N, C-alpha and C. Protein backbone atom coordinates (compact mmCIF):
# COMPACT_ATOMS: atom_id res chain seq x y z
N MET A 1 -72.07 -37.98 7.34
CA MET A 1 -71.41 -38.24 6.08
C MET A 1 -70.64 -37.00 5.65
N LYS A 2 -69.38 -37.16 5.35
CA LYS A 2 -68.55 -36.05 4.89
C LYS A 2 -68.77 -35.81 3.41
N HIS A 3 -68.82 -34.53 3.04
CA HIS A 3 -68.93 -34.19 1.63
C HIS A 3 -67.54 -34.09 1.03
N PRO A 4 -67.39 -34.48 -0.24
CA PRO A 4 -66.08 -34.35 -0.87
C PRO A 4 -65.69 -32.88 -1.00
N LYS A 5 -64.43 -32.60 -0.86
CA LYS A 5 -63.94 -31.23 -0.96
C LYS A 5 -64.08 -30.75 -2.41
N GLN A 6 -64.65 -29.57 -2.58
CA GLN A 6 -64.83 -29.01 -3.91
C GLN A 6 -63.51 -28.45 -4.41
N THR A 7 -63.23 -28.66 -5.69
CA THR A 7 -62.01 -28.16 -6.32
C THR A 7 -62.37 -27.56 -7.66
N MET A 8 -61.71 -26.46 -8.02
CA MET A 8 -61.89 -25.86 -9.33
C MET A 8 -60.53 -25.45 -9.89
N ARG A 9 -60.21 -25.99 -11.06
CA ARG A 9 -59.01 -25.56 -11.80
C ARG A 9 -59.44 -24.50 -12.80
N PHE A 10 -58.72 -23.37 -12.81
CA PHE A 10 -59.07 -22.30 -13.74
C PHE A 10 -57.81 -21.55 -14.14
N ARG A 11 -57.94 -20.79 -15.20
CA ARG A 11 -56.85 -19.91 -15.63
C ARG A 11 -57.43 -18.67 -16.27
N LEU A 12 -56.63 -17.63 -16.27
CA LEU A 12 -56.99 -16.42 -16.98
C LEU A 12 -56.74 -16.67 -18.46
N PRO A 13 -57.62 -16.21 -19.36
CA PRO A 13 -57.41 -16.43 -20.79
C PRO A 13 -56.03 -15.93 -21.22
N GLY A 14 -55.35 -16.74 -21.98
CA GLY A 14 -54.02 -16.38 -22.47
C GLY A 14 -52.90 -16.79 -21.54
N ALA A 15 -53.22 -17.12 -20.29
CA ALA A 15 -52.19 -17.54 -19.34
C ALA A 15 -51.88 -19.02 -19.60
N GLY A 16 -50.63 -19.37 -19.53
CA GLY A 16 -50.24 -20.75 -19.76
C GLY A 16 -50.35 -21.63 -18.53
N TRP A 17 -50.65 -21.03 -17.41
CA TRP A 17 -50.71 -21.80 -16.16
C TRP A 17 -52.13 -21.80 -15.62
N ALA A 18 -52.42 -22.81 -14.84
CA ALA A 18 -53.74 -22.91 -14.21
C ALA A 18 -53.58 -22.82 -12.71
N ARG A 19 -54.62 -22.34 -12.05
CA ARG A 19 -54.66 -22.27 -10.58
C ARG A 19 -55.73 -23.23 -10.10
N VAL A 20 -55.62 -23.62 -8.85
CA VAL A 20 -56.60 -24.52 -8.25
C VAL A 20 -57.15 -23.87 -6.99
N ALA A 21 -58.46 -23.72 -6.95
CA ALA A 21 -59.14 -23.24 -5.75
C ALA A 21 -59.81 -24.45 -5.10
N ASN A 22 -59.78 -24.49 -3.77
CA ASN A 22 -60.33 -25.62 -3.04
C ASN A 22 -61.39 -25.18 -2.04
N GLY A 23 -62.22 -26.12 -1.65
CA GLY A 23 -63.17 -25.91 -0.57
C GLY A 23 -64.16 -24.79 -0.83
N ARG A 24 -64.40 -24.01 0.21
CA ARG A 24 -65.37 -22.92 0.11
C ARG A 24 -64.93 -21.82 -0.85
N VAL A 25 -63.63 -21.65 -1.05
CA VAL A 25 -63.16 -20.66 -2.02
C VAL A 25 -63.57 -21.11 -3.42
N ALA A 26 -63.43 -22.40 -3.71
CA ALA A 26 -63.88 -22.93 -5.00
C ALA A 26 -65.40 -22.78 -5.13
N TRP A 27 -66.13 -23.04 -4.05
CA TRP A 27 -67.58 -22.88 -4.06
C TRP A 27 -67.95 -21.43 -4.38
N ALA A 28 -67.29 -20.47 -3.72
CA ALA A 28 -67.58 -19.06 -3.95
C ALA A 28 -67.30 -18.66 -5.39
N LEU A 29 -66.19 -19.13 -5.94
CA LEU A 29 -65.85 -18.83 -7.33
C LEU A 29 -66.89 -19.42 -8.27
N ALA A 30 -67.34 -20.63 -8.01
CA ALA A 30 -68.39 -21.24 -8.83
C ALA A 30 -69.68 -20.43 -8.77
N GLU A 31 -70.03 -19.93 -7.58
CA GLU A 31 -71.23 -19.11 -7.42
C GLU A 31 -71.10 -17.78 -8.17
N LEU A 32 -69.92 -17.18 -8.13
CA LEU A 32 -69.67 -15.93 -8.87
C LEU A 32 -69.81 -16.17 -10.37
N LEU A 33 -69.27 -17.28 -10.86
CA LEU A 33 -69.38 -17.61 -12.28
C LEU A 33 -70.84 -17.84 -12.67
N ARG A 34 -71.56 -18.57 -11.84
CA ARG A 34 -72.97 -18.88 -12.11
C ARG A 34 -73.81 -17.59 -12.14
N ALA A 35 -73.50 -16.65 -11.27
CA ALA A 35 -74.28 -15.41 -11.17
C ALA A 35 -74.02 -14.45 -12.32
N GLY A 36 -72.83 -14.51 -12.89
CA GLY A 36 -72.50 -13.62 -14.00
C GLY A 36 -72.51 -12.16 -13.59
N LYS A 37 -73.05 -11.31 -14.47
CA LYS A 37 -73.02 -9.86 -14.26
C LYS A 37 -73.88 -9.39 -13.09
N ARG A 38 -74.87 -10.18 -12.68
CA ARG A 38 -75.71 -9.75 -11.56
C ARG A 38 -75.00 -9.91 -10.23
N GLY A 39 -73.97 -10.75 -10.16
CA GLY A 39 -73.20 -10.93 -8.95
C GLY A 39 -73.96 -11.67 -7.86
N VAL A 40 -73.33 -11.77 -6.71
CA VAL A 40 -73.92 -12.49 -5.58
C VAL A 40 -73.91 -11.60 -4.34
N THR A 41 -74.87 -11.85 -3.47
CA THR A 41 -74.91 -11.16 -2.18
C THR A 41 -75.03 -12.21 -1.08
N PRO A 42 -74.47 -11.93 0.08
CA PRO A 42 -74.66 -12.84 1.21
C PRO A 42 -76.12 -12.98 1.63
N ILE A 43 -76.94 -12.00 1.30
CA ILE A 43 -78.36 -12.06 1.65
C ILE A 43 -79.08 -13.06 0.76
N ASP A 44 -78.83 -13.01 -0.54
CA ASP A 44 -79.50 -13.90 -1.49
C ASP A 44 -78.84 -15.28 -1.56
N ASN A 45 -77.57 -15.33 -1.27
CA ASN A 45 -76.80 -16.57 -1.42
C ASN A 45 -75.96 -16.75 -0.15
N PRO A 46 -76.56 -17.22 0.93
CA PRO A 46 -75.84 -17.30 2.19
C PRO A 46 -74.61 -18.20 2.13
N GLY A 47 -73.56 -17.71 2.71
CA GLY A 47 -72.31 -18.45 2.86
C GLY A 47 -71.69 -17.99 4.16
N PRO A 48 -70.99 -18.87 4.83
CA PRO A 48 -70.47 -18.51 6.15
C PRO A 48 -69.56 -17.29 6.18
N ARG A 49 -68.70 -17.13 5.16
CA ARG A 49 -67.71 -16.04 5.23
C ARG A 49 -67.42 -15.47 3.85
N TRP A 50 -68.44 -14.93 3.19
CA TRP A 50 -68.25 -14.40 1.85
C TRP A 50 -67.07 -13.45 1.76
N SER A 51 -66.96 -12.52 2.69
CA SER A 51 -65.89 -11.52 2.60
C SER A 51 -64.51 -12.19 2.63
N ALA A 52 -64.36 -13.25 3.39
CA ALA A 52 -63.07 -13.96 3.44
C ALA A 52 -62.79 -14.67 2.12
N TYR A 53 -63.81 -15.27 1.52
CA TYR A 53 -63.61 -15.96 0.23
C TYR A 53 -63.23 -14.94 -0.84
N ILE A 54 -63.89 -13.80 -0.84
CA ILE A 54 -63.59 -12.75 -1.83
C ILE A 54 -62.17 -12.24 -1.62
N PHE A 55 -61.79 -12.01 -0.37
CA PHE A 55 -60.43 -11.55 -0.06
C PHE A 55 -59.40 -12.54 -0.60
N THR A 56 -59.62 -13.82 -0.38
CA THR A 56 -58.69 -14.85 -0.87
C THR A 56 -58.63 -14.86 -2.39
N LEU A 57 -59.78 -14.80 -3.04
CA LEU A 57 -59.80 -14.80 -4.51
C LEU A 57 -59.09 -13.58 -5.08
N ARG A 58 -59.18 -12.46 -4.39
CA ARG A 58 -58.49 -11.24 -4.85
C ARG A 58 -57.00 -11.32 -4.60
N THR A 59 -56.61 -11.66 -3.37
CA THR A 59 -55.20 -11.55 -2.99
C THR A 59 -54.36 -12.76 -3.38
N GLU A 60 -54.89 -13.96 -3.22
CA GLU A 60 -54.09 -15.15 -3.52
C GLU A 60 -54.22 -15.61 -4.96
N TYR A 61 -55.35 -15.27 -5.61
CA TYR A 61 -55.58 -15.73 -6.99
C TYR A 61 -55.55 -14.59 -8.00
N GLY A 62 -55.49 -13.35 -7.53
CA GLY A 62 -55.36 -12.20 -8.41
C GLY A 62 -56.60 -11.88 -9.23
N LEU A 63 -57.78 -12.30 -8.77
CA LEU A 63 -58.99 -12.04 -9.53
C LEU A 63 -59.56 -10.66 -9.21
N ASP A 64 -60.13 -10.04 -10.23
CA ASP A 64 -60.77 -8.73 -10.09
C ASP A 64 -62.23 -8.97 -9.74
N ILE A 65 -62.61 -8.61 -8.51
CA ILE A 65 -63.98 -8.77 -8.05
C ILE A 65 -64.44 -7.43 -7.50
N GLU A 66 -65.51 -6.91 -8.09
CA GLU A 66 -66.05 -5.62 -7.67
C GLU A 66 -66.97 -5.81 -6.48
N THR A 67 -66.92 -4.87 -5.54
CA THR A 67 -67.86 -4.85 -4.42
C THR A 67 -68.77 -3.65 -4.60
N VAL A 68 -70.07 -3.92 -4.68
CA VAL A 68 -71.08 -2.87 -4.80
C VAL A 68 -71.87 -2.87 -3.49
N ASN A 69 -71.92 -1.74 -2.80
CA ASN A 69 -72.69 -1.64 -1.56
C ASN A 69 -74.12 -1.25 -1.90
N GLU A 70 -75.07 -2.06 -1.41
CA GLU A 70 -76.48 -1.85 -1.70
C GLU A 70 -77.26 -1.67 -0.39
N PRO A 71 -78.22 -0.74 -0.40
CA PRO A 71 -79.04 -0.57 0.80
C PRO A 71 -80.08 -1.69 0.90
N HIS A 72 -80.47 -2.00 2.10
CA HIS A 72 -81.59 -2.92 2.32
C HIS A 72 -82.39 -2.43 3.52
N GLY A 73 -83.68 -2.78 3.49
CA GLY A 73 -84.59 -2.39 4.57
C GLY A 73 -84.77 -3.53 5.55
N GLY A 74 -85.96 -3.63 6.06
CA GLY A 74 -86.27 -4.70 7.01
C GLY A 74 -86.04 -4.25 8.43
N PRO A 75 -86.11 -5.19 9.37
CA PRO A 75 -85.97 -4.84 10.78
C PRO A 75 -84.58 -4.29 11.13
N TYR A 76 -83.58 -4.63 10.34
CA TYR A 76 -82.21 -4.15 10.57
C TYR A 76 -81.69 -3.51 9.29
N PRO A 77 -82.21 -2.32 8.93
CA PRO A 77 -81.80 -1.70 7.67
C PRO A 77 -80.33 -1.32 7.69
N GLY A 78 -79.77 -1.29 6.51
CA GLY A 78 -78.36 -0.92 6.36
C GLY A 78 -77.92 -1.19 4.94
N THR A 79 -76.72 -1.67 4.80
CA THR A 79 -76.20 -2.00 3.48
C THR A 79 -75.63 -3.42 3.50
N HIS A 80 -75.55 -4.00 2.31
CA HIS A 80 -74.90 -5.29 2.15
C HIS A 80 -74.06 -5.22 0.88
N ALA A 81 -73.14 -6.13 0.74
CA ALA A 81 -72.26 -6.16 -0.42
C ALA A 81 -72.83 -7.05 -1.51
N ARG A 82 -72.62 -6.64 -2.74
CA ARG A 82 -72.86 -7.49 -3.91
C ARG A 82 -71.49 -7.65 -4.57
N TYR A 83 -71.08 -8.88 -4.77
CA TYR A 83 -69.78 -9.18 -5.36
C TYR A 83 -69.97 -9.60 -6.81
N VAL A 84 -69.19 -8.97 -7.71
CA VAL A 84 -69.30 -9.25 -9.14
C VAL A 84 -67.91 -9.58 -9.66
N LEU A 85 -67.76 -10.77 -10.25
CA LEU A 85 -66.49 -11.19 -10.83
C LEU A 85 -66.28 -10.43 -12.13
N LYS A 86 -65.20 -9.67 -12.21
CA LYS A 86 -64.87 -8.89 -13.40
C LYS A 86 -63.81 -9.59 -14.26
N SER A 87 -62.99 -10.41 -13.66
CA SER A 87 -61.97 -11.15 -14.42
C SER A 87 -62.65 -12.21 -15.28
N ARG A 88 -62.14 -12.34 -16.49
CA ARG A 88 -62.60 -13.46 -17.33
C ARG A 88 -61.71 -14.65 -16.98
N ILE A 89 -62.32 -15.76 -16.69
CA ILE A 89 -61.53 -16.95 -16.40
C ILE A 89 -62.04 -18.13 -17.23
N GLU A 90 -61.17 -19.08 -17.44
CA GLU A 90 -61.53 -20.33 -18.13
C GLU A 90 -61.44 -21.45 -17.11
N VAL A 91 -62.51 -22.20 -16.96
CA VAL A 91 -62.49 -23.36 -16.08
C VAL A 91 -61.81 -24.49 -16.84
N VAL A 92 -60.84 -25.10 -16.21
CA VAL A 92 -60.07 -26.19 -16.83
C VAL A 92 -60.62 -27.51 -16.29
N GLU A 93 -61.10 -28.34 -17.16
CA GLU A 93 -61.67 -29.64 -16.73
C GLU A 93 -60.58 -30.63 -16.42
């Protein structure tokens, strides 16, 4: 069974135009909004290509998204990214 493609219409406050994000980019934006100031990490919120979704939201949609590098332990210690949406956006129904 195919899932319907996710879509999100949004705009920056004060902007007269709205943008539309589709598919996994829309999913990533919804997850960033849901997470708020704590942001999201690929470790806590697995997604196939978080870095690609963030790149698209930054470059094609002009959103300000902070990347915070955090250390992690475990069998493969290193760092992972935490993404935090800094732009205020309005979801258009």
